[in-house]
C-alpha atoms as a PDB file:
ATOM      1  CA  MET A   1      -4.981   5.590 -21.682  1.00  0.00           C
ATOM      2  CA  LYS A   2      -2.845   4.544 -18.732  1.00  0.00           C
ATOM      3  CA  VAL A   3      -3.687   3.259 -15.260  1.00  0.00           C
ATOM      4  CA  ILE A   4      -1.575   3.572 -12.109  1.00  0.00           C
ATOM      5  CA  GLN A   5      -1.728   0.638  -9.735  1.00  0.00           C
ATOM      6  CA  SER A   6      -0.966   2.266  -6.399  1.00  0.00           C
ATOM      7  CA  HIS A   7       1.404   1.326  -3.613  1.00  0.00           C
ATOM      8  CA  THR A   8      -0.369   1.690  -0.278  1.00  0.00           C
ATOM      9  CA  ILE A   9       1.185   4.440   1.854  1.00  0.00           C
ATOM     10  CA  THR A  10       1.586   3.181   5.427  1.00  0.00           C
ATOM     11  CA  ASP A  11       3.442   4.181   8.583  1.00  0.00           C
ATOM     12  CA  SER A  12       6.399   2.119   7.435  1.00  0.00           C
ATOM     13  CA  THR A  13       6.605   3.756   3.999  1.00  0.00           C
ATOM     14  CA  LEU A  14       5.834   7.373   4.968  1.00  0.00           C
ATOM     15  CA  THR A  15       9.266   8.247   6.308  1.00  0.00           C
ATOM     16  CA  SER A  16       8.424  11.861   7.167  1.00  0.00           C
ATOM     17  CA  SER A  17       5.997  14.705   6.533  1.00  0.00           C
ATOM     18  CA  THR A  18       6.112  18.420   7.270  1.00  0.00           C
ATOM     19  CA  VAL A  19       2.407  18.246   8.156  1.00  0.00           C
ATOM     20  CA  THR A  20       2.017  17.803  11.893  1.00  0.00           C
ATOM     21  CA  GLU A  21      -0.510  15.377  13.300  1.00  0.00           C
ATOM     22  CA  ALA A  22      -2.081  17.432  16.062  1.00  0.00           C
ATOM     23  CA  ASP A  23      -5.624  18.058  14.830  1.00  0.00           C
ATOM     24  CA  TYR A  24      -7.008  17.257  18.308  1.00  0.00           C
ATOM     25  CA  ALA A  25      -5.821  15.573  21.481  1.00  0.00           C
ATOM     26  CA  ALA A  26      -5.153  11.857  21.167  1.00  0.00           C
ATOM     27  CA  TRP A  27      -7.792   9.495  22.554  1.00  0.00           C
ATOM     28  CA  LEU A  28      -6.909   8.120  26.000  1.00  0.00           C
ATOM     29  CA  ILE A  29      -8.666   5.116  27.495  1.00  0.00           C
ATOM     30  CA  GLY A  30      -9.077   6.664  30.944  1.00  0.00           C
ATOM     31  CA  THR A  31     -10.373  10.069  29.846  1.00  0.00           C
ATOM     32  CA  THR A  32     -14.085  10.904  30.013  1.00  0.00           C
ATOM     33  CA  TYR A  33     -15.367  12.665  26.892  1.00  0.00           C
ATOM     34  CA  ALA A  34     -18.471  14.805  26.515  1.00  0.00           C
ATOM     35  CA  ILE A  35     -20.785  14.735  23.539  1.00  0.00           C
ATOM     36  CA  ASP A  36     -19.271  16.428  20.431  1.00  0.00           C
ATOM     37  CA  ALA A  37     -15.722  16.115  21.792  1.00  0.00           C
ATOM     38  CA  TYR A  38     -13.126  15.411  19.107  1.00  0.00           C
ATOM     39  CA  VAL A  39     -10.130  13.091  19.365  1.00  0.00           C
ATOM     40  CA  ILE A  40      -7.562  11.585  17.042  1.00  0.00           C
ATOM     41  CA  VAL A  41      -6.209   8.059  16.937  1.00  0.00           C
ATOM     42  CA  THR A  42      -2.661   7.844  15.600  1.00  0.00           C
ATOM     43  CA  THR A  43      -1.857   4.210  16.190  1.00  0.00           C
ATOM     44  CA  PRO A  44      -0.157   2.580  13.180  1.00  0.00           C
ATOM     45  CA  ASN A  45      -2.171   2.829   9.980  1.00  0.00           C
ATOM     46  CA  ILE A  46      -5.256   4.347  11.677  1.00  0.00           C
ATOM     47  CA  HIS A  47      -4.761   8.146  11.769  1.00  0.00           C
ATOM     48  CA  LYS A  48      -8.419   9.131  12.059  1.00  0.00           C
ATOM     49  CA  ILE A  49     -10.544  11.831  13.700  1.00  0.00           C
ATOM     50  CA  TYR A  50     -13.568  10.808  15.766  1.00  0.00           C
ATOM     51  CA  LYS A  51     -16.393  12.757  17.462  1.00  0.00           C
ATOM     52  CA  SER A  52     -18.042  11.613  20.667  1.00  0.00           C
ATOM     53  CA  LYS A  53     -21.747  10.840  20.270  1.00  0.00           C
ATOM     54  CA  GLN A  54     -22.588  10.682  23.974  1.00  0.00           C
ATOM     55  CA  ASN A  55     -21.713  12.230  27.312  1.00  0.00           C
ATOM     56  CA  SER A  56     -19.807  10.201  29.922  1.00  0.00           C
ATOM     57  CA  ASN A  57     -17.890   8.508  27.128  1.00  0.00           C
ATOM     58  CA  VAL A  58     -15.005   6.675  28.821  1.00  0.00           C
ATOM     59  CA  GLY A  59     -13.138   3.491  27.966  1.00  0.00           C
ATOM     60  CA  ASN A  60     -14.739   3.108  24.541  1.00  0.00           C
ATOM     61  CA  ASN A  61     -12.122   2.628  21.844  1.00  0.00           C
ATOM     62  CA  PRO A  62     -13.163   4.542  18.687  1.00  0.00           C
ATOM     63  CA  THR A  63     -11.417   2.054  16.405  1.00  0.00           C
ATOM     64  CA  THR A  64     -13.442  -0.901  17.713  1.00  0.00           C
ATOM     65  CA  ASP A  65     -16.791   0.907  18.011  1.00  0.00           C
ATOM     66  CA  THR A  66     -18.024  -0.522  14.704  1.00  0.00           C
ATOM     67  CA  SER A  67     -21.675   0.220  15.527  1.00  0.00           C
ATOM     68  CA  GLU A  68     -20.782   3.898  16.138  1.00  0.00           C
ATOM     69  CA  THR A  69     -22.591   3.837  19.454  1.00  0.00           C
ATOM     70  CA  TRP A  70     -20.046   6.076  21.153  1.00  0.00           C
ATOM     71  CA  TRP A  71     -17.915   7.521  18.371  1.00  0.00           C
ATOM     72  CA  GLU A  72     -18.519   8.871  14.877  1.00  0.00           C
ATOM     73  CA  PHE A  73     -15.717   8.701  12.320  1.00  0.00           C
ATOM     74  CA  ILE A  74     -15.187  12.181  10.851  1.00  0.00           C
ATOM     75  CA  SER A  75     -12.159  11.984   8.567  1.00  0.00           C
ATOM     76  CA  TYR A  76      -8.527  11.064   8.384  1.00  0.00           C
ATOM     77  CA  THR A  77      -6.101  13.383  10.154  1.00  0.00           C
ATOM     78  CA  ASN A  78      -4.780  16.334   8.186  1.00  0.00           C
ATOM     79  CA  ARG A  79      -1.444  14.595   7.561  1.00  0.00           C
ATOM     80  CA  TRP A  80      -3.101  11.481   6.125  1.00  0.00           C
ATOM     81  CA  LYS A  81      -5.996  12.936   4.134  1.00  0.00           C
ATOM     82  CA  MET A  82      -3.789  13.181   1.042  1.00  0.00           C
ATOM     83  CA  PHE A  83      -3.213   9.430   1.066  1.00  0.00           C
ATOM     84  CA  ASN A  84      -6.858   8.401   1.485  1.00  0.00           C
ATOM     85  CA  ALA A  85     -10.237   9.011  -0.117  1.00  0.00           C
ATOM     86  CA  PRO A  86     -12.396  11.105  -0.210  1.00  0.00           C
ATOM     87  CA  VAL A  87     -10.449  13.099  -2.779  1.00  0.00           C
ATOM     88  CA  GLN A  88     -12.401  16.252  -1.878  1.00  0.00           C
ATOM     89  CA  GLN A  89     -10.923  16.275   1.646  1.00  0.00           C
ATOM     90  CA  GLN A  90      -7.512  17.912   1.436  1.00  0.00           C
ATOM     91  CA  THR A  91      -4.350  17.917   3.468  1.00  0.00           C
ATOM     92  CA  ILE A  92      -3.641  21.636   4.001  1.00  0.00           C
ATOM     93  CA  ASN A  93      -0.423  23.066   5.387  1.00  0.00           C
ATOM     94  CA  SER A  94       0.918  26.594   5.689  1.00  0.00           C
ATOM     95  CA  GLY A  95       4.077  27.205   3.681  1.00  0.00           C
ATOM     96  CA  GLY A  96       3.865  24.001   1.659  1.00  0.00           C
ATOM     97  CA  ILE A  97       3.931  20.239   2.037  1.00  0.00           C
ATOM     98  CA  ALA A  98       6.944  17.927   1.850  1.00  0.00           C
ATOM     99  CA  VAL A  99       6.640  14.162   2.250  1.00  0.00           C
ATOM    100  CA  VAL A 100       9.363  11.539   2.120  1.00  0.00           C
ATOM    101  CA  ILE A 101       8.301   8.060   1.047  1.00  0.00           C
ATOM    102  CA  THR A 102      10.344   4.867   1.056  1.00  0.00           C
ATOM    103  CA  PRO A 103       8.132   2.475  -0.910  1.00  0.00           C
ATOM    104  CA  ALA A 104      10.643  -0.423  -0.962  1.00  0.00           C
ATOM    105  CA  ALA A 105       9.197  -1.302  -4.356  1.00  0.00           C
ATOM    106  CA  ILE A 106       9.727  -0.245  -7.934  1.00  0.00           C
ATOM    107  CA  THR A 107       7.856   3.007  -8.567  1.00  0.00           C
ATOM    108  CA  THR A 108       7.357   4.347 -12.077  1.00  0.00           C
ATOM    109  CA  ALA A 109       4.451   6.776 -11.652  1.00  0.00           C
ATOM    110  CA  LEU A 110       3.104   9.478  -9.354  1.00  0.00           C
ATOM    111  CA  ALA A 111      -0.167  11.385  -9.408  1.00  0.00           C
ATOM    112  CA  LEU A 112      -1.604  14.335  -7.486  1.00  0.00           C
ATOM    113  CA  ILE A 113      -5.324  15.171  -7.600  1.00  0.00           C
ATOM    114  CA  ASN A 114      -7.317  18.109  -6.192  1.00  0.00           C
ATOM    115  CA  THR A 115      -4.116  19.984  -5.495  1.00  0.00           C
ATOM    116  CA  ASP A 116      -3.500  23.693  -4.918  1.00  0.00           C
ATOM    117  CA  CYS A 117       0.120  24.849  -4.930  1.00  0.00           C
ATOM    118  CA  ALA A 118       2.554  26.887  -7.016  1.00  0.00           C
ATOM    119  CA  SER A 119       4.873  24.031  -7.985  1.00  0.00           C
ATOM    120  CA  VAL A 120       5.665  20.389  -7.327  1.00  0.00           C
ATOM    121  CA  THR A 121       9.164  18.928  -7.043  1.00  0.00           C
ATOM    122  CA  ILE A 122       9.840  15.198  -7.244  1.00  0.00           C
ATOM    123  CA  LEU A 123      13.204  13.910  -6.037  1.00  0.00           C
ATOM    124  CA  MET A 124      14.287  10.276  -6.158  1.00  0.00           C
ATOM    125  CA  VAL A 125      17.505   9.202  -4.431  1.00  0.00           C
ATOM    126  CA  ASP A 126      18.820   5.669  -4.717  1.00  0.00           C
ATOM    127  CA  PRO A 127      21.133   4.511  -1.880  1.00  0.00           C
ATOM    128  CA  VAL A 128      23.697   3.304  -4.424  1.00  0.00           C
ATOM    129  CA  GLU A 129      23.257   5.506  -7.506  1.00  0.00           C
ATOM    130  CA  GLY A 130      22.414   8.749  -5.688  1.00  0.00           C
ATOM    131  CA  THR A 131      19.970  11.197  -7.288  1.00  0.00           C
ATOM    132  CA  VAL A 132      18.242   9.471 -10.193  1.00  0.00           C
ATOM    133  CA  PHE A 133      15.366  11.931 -10.718  1.00  0.00           C
ATOM    134  CA  ASN A 134      14.916  15.592  -9.808  1.00  0.00           C
ATOM    135  CA  GLN A 135      12.234  17.597 -11.572  1.00  0.00           C
ATOM    136  CA  THR A 136      10.085  20.610 -10.709  1.00  0.00           C
ATOM    137  CA  TYR A 137       6.674  21.122 -12.319  1.00  0.00           C
ATOM    138  CA  SER A 138       4.898  24.474 -12.419  1.00  0.00           C
ATOM    139  CA  MET A 139       1.243  24.230 -11.427  1.00  0.00           C
ATOM    140  CA  ILE A 140       0.253  27.416 -13.261  1.00  0.00           C
ATOM    141  CA  SER A 141      -2.323  26.537 -15.896  1.00  0.00           C
ATOM    142  CA  ASP A 142      -2.129  27.895 -19.443  1.00  0.00           C
ATOM    143  CA  SER A 143      -5.527  26.502 -20.393  1.00  0.00           C
ATOM    144  CA  GLY A 144      -7.524  29.125 -22.271  1.00  0.00           C
ATOM    145  CA  ILE A 145      -4.511  31.378 -22.892  1.00  0.00           C
ATOM    146  CA  THR A 146      -4.733  31.864 -26.656  1.00  0.00           C
ATOM    147  CA  SER A 147      -3.496  35.443 -27.108  1.00  0.00           C
ATOM    148  CA  TRP A 148      -1.130  37.999 -25.586  1.00  0.00           C
ATOM    149  CA  TYR A 149      -4.157  39.780 -24.118  1.00  0.00           C
ATOM    150  CA  ASP A 150      -5.143  36.580 -22.335  1.00  0.00           C
ATOM    151  CA  TYR A 151      -1.553  36.115 -21.170  1.00  0.00           C
ATOM    152  CA  PHE A 152      -1.381  39.543 -19.514  1.00  0.00           C
ATOM    153  CA  PHE A 153      -4.930  40.062 -18.297  1.00  0.00           C
ATOM    154  CA  THR A 154      -6.545  36.677 -17.612  1.00  0.00           C
ATOM    155  CA  ALA A 155      -6.589  35.744 -13.941  1.00  0.00           C
ATOM    156  CA  ILE A 156      -3.931  33.218 -12.990  1.00  0.00           C
ATOM    157  CA  VAL A 157      -5.395  29.760 -12.561  1.00  0.00           C
ATOM    158  CA  ARG A 158      -3.601  26.765 -11.102  1.00  0.00           C
ATOM    159  CA  LYS A 159      -3.615  23.188 -12.284  1.00  0.00           C
ATOM    160  CA  THR A 160      -5.308  20.856  -9.848  1.00  0.00           C
ATOM    161  CA  GLN A 161      -3.863  17.618 -11.231  1.00  0.00           C
ATOM    162  CA  LEU A 162      -0.453  16.246 -12.078  1.00  0.00           C
ATOM    163  CA  ALA A 163       0.601  12.865 -13.436  1.00  0.00           C
ATOM    164  CA  VAL A 164       4.264  11.959 -13.837  1.00  0.00           C
ATOM    165  CA  LEU A 165       4.942   8.712 -15.678  1.00  0.00           C
ATOM    166  CA  GLY A 166       8.205   7.021 -16.500  1.00  0.00           C
ATOM    167  CA  LEU A 167      10.020   7.518 -13.197  1.00  0.00           C
ATOM    168  CA  PRO A 168      13.252   5.482 -13.145  1.00  0.00           C
ATOM    169  CA  PRO A 169      12.501   1.982 -11.825  1.00  0.00           C
ATOM    170  CA  TYR A 170      14.708   1.837  -8.727  1.00  0.00           C
ATOM    171  CA  GLY A 171      13.281  -0.486  -6.090  1.00  0.00           C
ATOM    172  CA  ALA A 172      15.168   1.048  -3.160  1.00  0.00           C
ATOM    173  CA  ALA A 173      14.872   4.746  -4.048  1.00  0.00           C
ATOM    174  CA  VAL A 174      13.594   7.265  -1.508  1.00  0.00           C
ATOM    175  CA  ILE A 175      11.026   9.642  -3.005  1.00  0.00           C
ATOM    176  CA  THR A 176      10.574  13.203  -1.751  1.00  0.00           C
ATOM    177  CA  VAL A 177       7.557  15.132  -3.032  1.00  0.00           C
ATOM    178  CA  THR A 178       7.420  18.847  -2.248  1.00  0.00           C
ATOM    179  CA  LEU A 179       4.387  21.043  -2.864  1.00  0.00           C
ATOM    180  CA  THR A 180       5.641  24.616  -2.732  1.00  0.00           C
ATOM    181  CA  ASP A 181       3.532  27.680  -2.043  1.00  0.00           C
ATOM    182  CA  SER A 182       4.113  31.074  -0.444  1.00  0.00           C
ATOM    183  CA  VAL A 183       0.886  30.833   1.572  1.00  0.00           C
ATOM    184  CA  SER A 184      -0.386  27.281   1.984  1.00  0.00           C
ATOM    185  CA  ALA A 185      -0.453  24.132  -0.115  1.00  0.00           C
ATOM    186  CA  SER A 186      -3.214  21.563  -0.265  1.00  0.00           C
ATOM    187  CA  CYS A 187      -3.583  18.091  -1.725  1.00  0.00           C
ATOM    188  CA  GLY A 188      -6.680  15.923  -1.946  1.00  0.00           C
ATOM    189  CA  PHE A 189      -4.956  12.744  -3.069  1.00  0.00           C
ATOM    190  CA  MET A 190      -1.440  11.586  -3.809  1.00  0.00           C
ATOM    191  CA  THR A 191      -0.406   8.169  -5.022  1.00  0.00           C
ATOM    192  CA  ILE A 192       2.710   6.419  -6.237  1.00  0.00           C
ATOM    193  CA  GLY A 193       2.936   3.078  -7.978  1.00  0.00           C
ATOM    194  CA  THR A 194       3.499   1.407 -11.305  1.00  0.00           C
ATOM    195  CA  TYR A 195       1.603   2.184 -14.472  1.00  0.00           C
ATOM    196  CA  ASP A 196       0.277   0.085 -17.325  1.00  0.00           C
ATOM    197  CA  THR A 197      -0.580   1.320 -20.791  1.00  0.00           C
ATOM    198  CA  ILE A 198      -4.030   0.280 -21.943  1.00  0.00           C
ATOM    199  CA  GLY A 199      -3.821   1.850 -25.402  1.00  0.00           C
ATOM    200  CA  ASP A 200      -4.347   5.072 -27.316  1.00  0.00           C
ATOM    201  CA  SER A 201      -7.267   7.212 -26.147  1.00  0.00           C
ATOM    202  CA  GLN A 202      -9.447   8.423 -28.994  1.00  0.00           C
ATOM    203  CA  TYR A 203     -11.090  11.775 -29.647  1.00  0.00           C
ATOM    204  CA  GLY A 204     -14.757  11.710 -28.773  1.00  0.00           C
ATOM    205  CA  ALA A 205     -14.147  10.841 -25.120  1.00  0.00           C
ATOM    206  CA  SER A 206     -16.653  12.433 -22.762  1.00  0.00           C
ATOM    207  CA  PHE A 207     -15.931  13.821 -19.295  1.00  0.00           C
ATOM    208  CA  GLY A 208     -18.244  15.122 -16.616  1.00  0.00           C
ATOM    209  CA  ILE A 209     -19.116  15.012 -12.949  1.00  0.00           C
ATOM    210  CA  VAL A 210     -21.754  13.456 -10.745  1.00  0.00           C
ATOM    211  CA  ASP A 211     -22.932  16.212  -8.385  1.00  0.00           C
ATOM    212  CA  TYR A 212     -24.153  15.231  -4.924  1.00  0.00           C
ATOM    213  CA  SER A 213     -25.398  18.693  -3.985  1.00  0.00           C
ATOM    214  CA  THR A 214     -29.016  18.888  -2.864  1.00  0.00           C
ATOM    215  CA  LYS A 215     -31.638  21.348  -4.078  1.00  0.00           C
ATOM    216  CA  THR A 216     -34.861  21.931  -2.168  1.00  0.00           C
ATOM    217  CA  THR A 217     -37.830  24.138  -3.030  1.00  0.00           C
ATOM    218  CA  ASP A 218     -40.142  25.551  -0.366  1.00  0.00           C
ATOM    219  CA  ALA A 219     -43.867  26.331  -0.675  1.00  0.00           C
ATOM    220  CA  SER A 220     -43.081  29.788  -2.097  1.00  0.00           C
ATOM    221  CA  GLY A 221     -40.855  28.428  -4.810  1.00  0.00           C
ATOM    222  CA  ASN A 222     -37.604  29.543  -3.220  1.00  0.00           C
ATOM    223  CA  VAL A 223     -34.747  27.189  -4.070  1.00  0.00           C
ATOM    224  CA  THR A 224     -32.044  26.373  -1.541  1.00  0.00           C
ATOM    225  CA  VAL A 225     -28.870  24.704  -2.776  1.00  0.00           C
ATOM    226  CA  THR A 226     -26.692  22.832  -0.328  1.00  0.00           C
ATOM    227  CA  ALA A 227     -23.283  22.204  -1.833  1.00  0.00           C
ATOM    228  CA  GLY A 228     -22.128  18.611  -1.636  1.00  0.00           C
ATOM    229  CA  ASN A 229     -19.276  16.518  -2.923  1.00  0.00           C
ATOM    230  CA  PHE A 230     -18.911  15.475  -6.534  1.00  0.00           C
ATOM    231  CA  SER A 231     -17.119  12.747  -8.437  1.00  0.00           C
ATOM    232  CA  ASP A 232     -15.600  12.680 -11.903  1.00  0.00           C
ATOM    233  CA  ARG A 233     -16.728  10.358 -14.655  1.00  0.00           C
ATOM    234  CA  ALA A 234     -15.531   9.544 -18.166  1.00  0.00           C
ATOM    235  CA  ASP A 235     -16.459   7.424 -21.180  1.00  0.00           C
ATOM    236  CA  VAL A 236     -13.390   6.703 -23.292  1.00  0.00           C
ATOM    237  CA  ASP A 237     -12.731   4.690 -26.446  1.00  0.00           C
ATOM    238  CA  VAL A 238      -9.233   3.224 -26.546  1.00  0.00           C
ATOM    239  CA  ILE A 239      -7.440   1.593 -29.465  1.00  0.00           C
ATOM    240  CA  ILE A 240      -5.280  -1.361 -28.408  1.00  0.00           C
ATOM    241  CA  GLU A 241      -3.092  -3.748 -30.345  1.00  0.00           C
ATOM    242  CA  THR A 242      -5.008  -6.981 -30.851  1.00  0.00           C
ATOM    243  CA  GLY A 243      -1.869  -8.886 -29.895  1.00  0.00           C
ATOM    244  CA  ARG A 244      -2.116  -7.291 -26.428  1.00  0.00           C
ATOM    245  CA  PHE A 245      -5.716  -8.385 -25.904  1.00  0.00           C
ATOM    246  CA  ALA A 246      -4.926 -10.882 -23.122  1.00  0.00           C
ATOM    247  CA  GLN A 247      -2.564  -8.476 -21.336  1.00  0.00           C
ATOM    248  CA  VAL A 248      -5.026  -5.579 -21.364  1.00  0.00           C
ATOM    249  CA  LYS A 249      -7.877  -7.790 -20.194  1.00  0.00           C
ATOM    250  CA  SER A 250      -5.664  -9.105 -17.377  1.00  0.00           C
ATOM    251  CA  VAL A 251      -4.709  -5.581 -16.229  1.00  0.00           C
ATOM    252  CA  LEU A 252      -8.312  -4.394 -16.211  1.00  0.00           C
ATOM    253  CA  THR A 253      -9.464  -7.487 -14.382  1.00  0.00           C
ATOM    254  CA  ALA A 254      -6.754  -7.007 -11.739  1.00  0.00           C
ATOM    255  CA  VAL A 255      -7.924  -3.465 -10.869  1.00  0.00           C
ATOM    256  CA  ARG A 256     -11.668  -4.197 -11.000  1.00  0.00           C
ATOM    257  CA  SER A 257     -12.101  -3.785  -7.233  1.00  0.00           C
ATOM    258  CA  THR A 258      -9.158  -1.515  -6.464  1.00  0.00           C
ATOM    259  CA  PRO A 259      -9.339   2.296  -6.748  1.00  0.00           C
ATOM    260  CA  SER A 260      -6.768   3.354  -9.320  1.00  0.00           C
ATOM    261  CA  VAL A 261      -5.664   6.482 -11.166  1.00  0.00           C
ATOM    262  CA  TRP A 262      -6.884   6.556 -14.769  1.00  0.00           C
ATOM    263  CA  ILE A 263      -5.050   8.885 -17.140  1.00  0.00           C
ATOM    264  CA  THR A 264      -6.717   9.569 -20.466  1.00  0.00           C
ATOM    265  CA  GLU A 265      -4.178  12.206 -21.507  1.00  0.00           C
ATOM    266  CA  GLU A 266      -1.397  13.064 -19.065  1.00  0.00           C
ATOM    267  CA  ASP A 267      -0.794  16.531 -20.552  1.00  0.00           C
ATOM    268  CA  THR A 268      -4.460  17.581 -20.433  1.00  0.00           C
ATOM    269  CA  GLU A 269      -5.835  18.707 -17.101  1.00  0.00           C
ATOM    270  CA  GLY A 270      -9.191  17.289 -16.124  1.00  0.00           C
ATOM    271  CA  THR A 271      -8.598  13.882 -17.706  1.00  0.00           C
ATOM    272  CA  ILE A 272      -7.051  12.251 -14.619  1.00  0.00           C
ATOM    273  CA  ILE A 273      -9.561  10.351 -12.477  1.00  0.00           C
ATOM    274  CA  TYR A 274      -9.120   8.384  -9.258  1.00  0.00           C
ATOM    275  CA  GLY A 275     -11.708   5.656  -9.049  1.00  0.00           C
ATOM    276  CA  PHE A 276     -13.010   2.492 -10.706  1.00  0.00           C
ATOM    277  CA  PHE A 277     -14.121   1.447 -14.143  1.00  0.00           C
ATOM    278  CA  LYS A 278     -17.810   0.555 -14.143  1.00  0.00           C
ATOM    279  CA  GLU A 279     -17.436  -1.721 -17.131  1.00  0.00           C
ATOM    280  CA  PHE A 280     -15.239  -2.361 -20.097  1.00  0.00           C
ATOM    281  CA  ASP A 281     -15.676  -4.061 -23.467  1.00  0.00           C
ATOM    282  CA  ILE A 282     -12.991  -5.081 -25.928  1.00  0.00           C
ATOM    283  CA  ILE A 283     -14.136  -5.442 -29.526  1.00  0.00           C
ATOM    284  CA  MET A 284     -11.669  -7.439 -31.620  1.00  0.00           C
ATOM    285  CA  THR A 285     -12.024  -5.243 -34.703  1.00  0.00           C
ATOM    286  CA  ASN A 286      -9.315  -6.873 -36.823  1.00  0.00           C
ATOM    287  CA  PRO A 287      -6.026  -8.795 -36.413  1.00  0.00           C
ATOM    288  CA  THR A 288      -4.062  -5.562 -35.948  1.00  0.00           C
ATOM    289  CA  VAL A 289      -6.071  -3.318 -33.629  1.00  0.00           C
ATOM    290  CA  SER A 290      -9.086  -3.672 -31.361  1.00  0.00           C
ATOM    291  CA  LEU A 291     -11.404  -1.179 -29.704  1.00  0.00           C
ATOM    292  CA  CYS A 292     -11.751  -1.029 -25.920  1.00  0.00           C
ATOM    293  CA  THR A 293     -14.525   1.051 -24.361  1.00  0.00           C
ATOM    294  CA  LEU A 294     -14.162   2.130 -20.749  1.00  0.00           C
ATOM    295  CA  GLN A 295     -16.633   3.757 -18.378  1.00  0.00           C
ATOM    296  CA  ILE A 296     -14.772   5.271 -15.428  1.00  0.00           C
ATOM    297  CA  GLU A 297     -16.382   6.581 -12.258  1.00  0.00           C
ATOM    298  CA  GLY A 298     -14.334   8.640  -9.813  1.00  0.00           C
ATOM    299  CA  LEU A 299     -14.481   8.668  -6.047  1.00  0.00           C
ATOM    300  CA  THR A 300     -15.672  11.784  -4.229  1.00  0.00           C
END
């Protein structure tokens, strides 16, 4: 079990992106907006889409309308969805996505969640050492392929998650992440940061989802299902070295109120969750190893 403590992606660290930020016209203070009109705000570290809630809407700044009297927050702009929750809202771009990030901090891990693309390339270039990391990862899933028949006749399925740990720790490196696809690429969430090892995940871990879809039944018994978002969840037992008790407790305490990426098994799709732990317990089993139980709840 590992956890990535994320670096926040801001205007100063996102050096460039091939995704344009032109979802709608930018909000202007002197323009009068009708009800249901959409605007974007692209001032530093905002990058949000708003919808007008009233006619004759003029001079009302969406970012300061905290009561949502005039404006309703809809989502982040297409360029910035991949750096913000909800995970189910994706950045989508025809021909692929390429972002250049200058974190100005040591980065040893990267994760992509709710992604749809053919491959992912990670390039790290240090201003002194040059290229220190350059790797391409295929996003074609081989899960369920257990025979030659499956190999040739099972429909191609793509991985939706990727975790790369152990990136070289260069504090000044520029990181370029490219999601390649012949049609369009999409990404629900991308994060970079540093990772900590909690311990060894044990078999018996359980994974599932919390479904927020609604189901209604009318007087005739007809059921209508309205699809909603969902979030991942997991219950994992982790073996840790008893000598690392204080360190593990400190790491878990530090991320208690910060959404983080939890990786039960980096080579197994479906075991990477972006969210919080609901609770944890460390049982000091013996002087050598202890048992840590984690309940993790993902964000939608």
